[in-house]
Amino acid sequence: MIRSHPLFPYANKWLDLQNLDRTASWNARLRELARHRHFPEALNLYCQMLASGDSPNAFTFPFAFKSCATLSLPLAGTQLHGHVIKTGFVV
């Protein structure tokens, strides 16, 4: 059995914070695209985020939903809703 190093929990915390910073960066870009009504680009960026392996959070989804709704893309909105449920962000 491998023993854990005493600093291992801190390393995990540091990695979690790095992921939060990446998600916050994606969210800031999504917010600005939506604010300037660049909805196709916002959806494209959301897809890039997923393809990069970064995880969305509860702040990510409203920008993507607004883009789907404004562009009248009900199928994309339904798929996005499924992703919300799959990732566990249902309240």
C-alpha atoms as a PDB file:
ATOM      1  CA  MET A   1       0.000   0.000   0.000  1.00  0.00           C
ATOM      2  CA  ILE A   2       1.277   3.459  -0.906  1.00  0.00           C
ATOM      3  CA  ARG A   3       1.365   5.982   1.927  1.00  0.00           C
ATOM      4  CA  SER A   4       0.093   9.452   1.221  1.00  0.00           C
ATOM      5  CA  HIS A   5       2.462  12.371   1.555  1.00  0.00           C
ATOM      6  CA  PRO A   6       1.384  14.899   4.246  1.00  0.00           C
ATOM      7  CA  LEU A   7       1.198  17.670   1.646  1.00  0.00           C
ATOM      8  CA  PHE A   8      -1.078  15.671  -0.674  1.00  0.00           C
ATOM      9  CA  PRO A   9      -4.333  17.331   0.539  1.00  0.00           C
ATOM     10  CA  TYR A  10      -2.803  20.755  -0.098  1.00  0.00           C
ATOM     11  CA  ALA A  11      -1.764  19.735  -3.592  1.00  0.00           C
ATOM     12  CA  ASN A  12      -5.322  18.617  -4.329  1.00  0.00           C
ATOM     13  CA  LYS A  13      -6.668  21.919  -3.026  1.00  0.00           C
ATOM     14  CA  TRP A  14      -4.219  23.819  -5.222  1.00  0.00           C
ATOM     15  CA  LEU A  15      -5.310  21.825  -8.279  1.00  0.00           C
ATOM     16  CA  ASP A  16      -8.964  22.505  -7.447  1.00  0.00           C
ATOM     17  CA  LEU A  17      -8.240  26.241  -7.299  1.00  0.00           C
ATOM     18  CA  GLN A  18      -6.455  26.079 -10.658  1.00  0.00           C
ATOM     19  CA  ASN A  19      -9.538  24.481 -12.188  1.00  0.00           C
ATOM     20  CA  LEU A  20     -11.739  27.208 -10.675  1.00  0.00           C
ATOM     21  CA  ASP A  21      -9.526  29.850 -12.258  1.00  0.00           C
ATOM     22  CA  ARG A  22      -9.843  28.172 -15.661  1.00  0.00           C
ATOM     23  CA  THR A  23     -13.617  27.898 -15.337  1.00  0.00           C
ATOM     24  CA  ALA A  24     -13.832  31.525 -14.229  1.00  0.00           C
ATOM     25  CA  SER A  25     -11.865  32.517 -17.344  1.00  0.00           C
ATOM     26  CA  TRP A  26     -14.233  30.598 -19.593  1.00  0.00           C
ATOM     27  CA  ASN A  27     -17.222  32.138 -17.798  1.00  0.00           C
ATOM     28  CA  ALA A  28     -15.870  35.677 -18.181  1.00  0.00           C
ATOM     29  CA  ARG A  29     -15.428  35.152 -21.905  1.00  0.00           C
ATOM     30  CA  LEU A  30     -18.910  33.617 -22.218  1.00  0.00           C
ATOM     31  CA  ARG A  31     -20.430  36.506 -20.272  1.00  0.00           C
ATOM     32  CA  GLU A  32     -18.815  39.102 -22.530  1.00  0.00           C
ATOM     33  CA  LEU A  33     -19.895  37.338 -25.705  1.00  0.00           C
ATOM     34  CA  ALA A  34     -23.479  37.117 -24.446  1.00  0.00           C
ATOM     35  CA  ARG A  35     -23.429  40.712 -23.239  1.00  0.00           C
ATOM     36  CA  HIS A  36     -22.398  41.906 -26.700  1.00  0.00           C
ATOM     37  CA  ARG A  37     -25.004  39.636 -28.317  1.00  0.00           C
ATOM     38  CA  HIS A  38     -22.466  37.329 -29.970  1.00  0.00           C
ATOM     39  CA  PHE A  39     -24.587  34.284 -29.215  1.00  0.00           C
ATOM     40  CA  PRO A  40     -23.257  31.887 -31.897  1.00  0.00           C
ATOM     41  CA  GLU A  41     -19.735  32.593 -30.704  1.00  0.00           C
ATOM     42  CA  ALA A  42     -20.794  32.009 -27.094  1.00  0.00           C
ATOM     43  CA  LEU A  43     -22.173  28.568 -27.947  1.00  0.00           C
ATOM     44  CA  ASN A  44     -19.039  27.785 -29.907  1.00  0.00           C
ATOM     45  CA  LEU A  45     -16.913  28.805 -26.921  1.00  0.00           C
ATOM     46  CA  TYR A  46     -19.025  26.601 -24.631  1.00  0.00           C
ATOM     47  CA  CYS A  47     -18.324  23.650 -26.953  1.00  0.00           C
ATOM     48  CA  GLN A  48     -14.610  24.520 -26.915  1.00  0.00           C
ATOM     49  CA  MET A  49     -14.713  24.529 -23.125  1.00  0.00           C
ATOM     50  CA  LEU A  50     -16.169  21.030 -23.076  1.00  0.00           C
ATOM     51  CA  ALA A  51     -13.729  19.799 -25.726  1.00  0.00           C
ATOM     52  CA  SER A  52     -10.795  21.136 -23.693  1.00  0.00           C
ATOM     53  CA  GLY A  53     -11.827  18.950 -20.773  1.00  0.00           C
ATOM     54  CA  ASP A  54     -12.677  21.870 -18.505  1.00  0.00           C
ATOM     55  CA  SER A  55     -15.868  21.517 -16.497  1.00  0.00           C
ATOM     56  CA  PRO A  56     -18.669  24.072 -16.509  1.00  0.00           C
ATOM     57  CA  ASN A  57     -20.159  25.276 -13.255  1.00  0.00           C
ATOM     58  CA  ALA A  58     -23.445  26.859 -12.226  1.00  0.00           C
ATOM     59  CA  PHE A  59     -22.312  30.228 -13.612  1.00  0.00           C
ATOM     60  CA  THR A  60     -21.567  28.801 -17.057  1.00  0.00           C
ATOM     61  CA  PHE A  61     -25.011  27.542 -17.962  1.00  0.00           C
ATOM     62  CA  PRO A  62     -27.069  30.768 -17.944  1.00  0.00           C
ATOM     63  CA  PHE A  63     -24.914  32.248 -20.718  1.00  0.00           C
ATOM     64  CA  ALA A  64     -25.285  29.119 -22.822  1.00  0.00           C
ATOM     65  CA  PHE A  65     -29.062  28.976 -22.200  1.00  0.00           C
ATOM     66  CA  LYS A  66     -29.458  32.637 -23.126  1.00  0.00           C
ATOM     67  CA  SER A  67     -27.619  31.979 -26.383  1.00  0.00           C
ATOM     68  CA  CYS A  68     -29.826  28.988 -27.215  1.00  0.00           C
ATOM     69  CA  ALA A  69     -33.002  30.915 -26.434  1.00  0.00           C
ATOM     70  CA  THR A  70     -32.030  34.039 -28.346  1.00  0.00           C
ATOM     71  CA  LEU A  71     -31.023  32.022 -31.405  1.00  0.00           C
ATOM     72  CA  SER A  72     -34.236  29.933 -31.177  1.00  0.00           C
ATOM     73  CA  LEU A  73     -32.356  26.656 -30.896  1.00  0.00           C
ATOM     74  CA  PRO A  74     -34.696  24.407 -28.910  1.00  0.00           C
ATOM     75  CA  LEU A  75     -32.736  21.222 -29.661  1.00  0.00           C
ATOM     76  CA  ALA A  76     -29.492  22.799 -28.441  1.00  0.00           C
ATOM     77  CA  GLY A  77     -31.343  24.048 -25.337  1.00  0.00           C
ATOM     78  CA  THR A  78     -32.658  20.546 -24.679  1.00  0.00           C
ATOM     79  CA  GLN A  79     -29.159  19.100 -25.031  1.00  0.00           C
ATOM     80  CA  LEU A  80     -27.801  21.764 -22.704  1.00  0.00           C
ATOM     81  CA  HIS A  81     -30.530  20.973 -20.175  1.00  0.00           C
ATOM     82  CA  GLY A  82     -29.489  17.325 -20.308  1.00  0.00           C
ATOM     83  CA  HIS A  83     -25.899  18.358 -19.652  1.00  0.00           C
ATOM     84  CA  VAL A  84     -27.002  20.392 -16.627  1.00  0.00           C
ATOM     85  CA  ILE A  85     -28.770  17.359 -15.214  1.00  0.00           C
ATOM     86  CA  LYS A  86     -25.858  15.059 -16.057  1.00  0.00           C
ATOM     87  CA  THR A  87     -23.356  17.303 -14.287  1.00  0.00           C
ATOM     88  CA  GLY A  88     -25.582  17.614 -11.224  1.00  0.00           C
ATOM     89  CA  PHE A  89     -26.325  21.339 -11.210  1.00  0.00           C
ATOM     90  CA  VAL A  90     -30.074  20.864 -10.751  1.00  0.00           C
ATOM     91  CA  VAL A  91     -31.337  22.651  -7.667  1.00  0.00           C
END
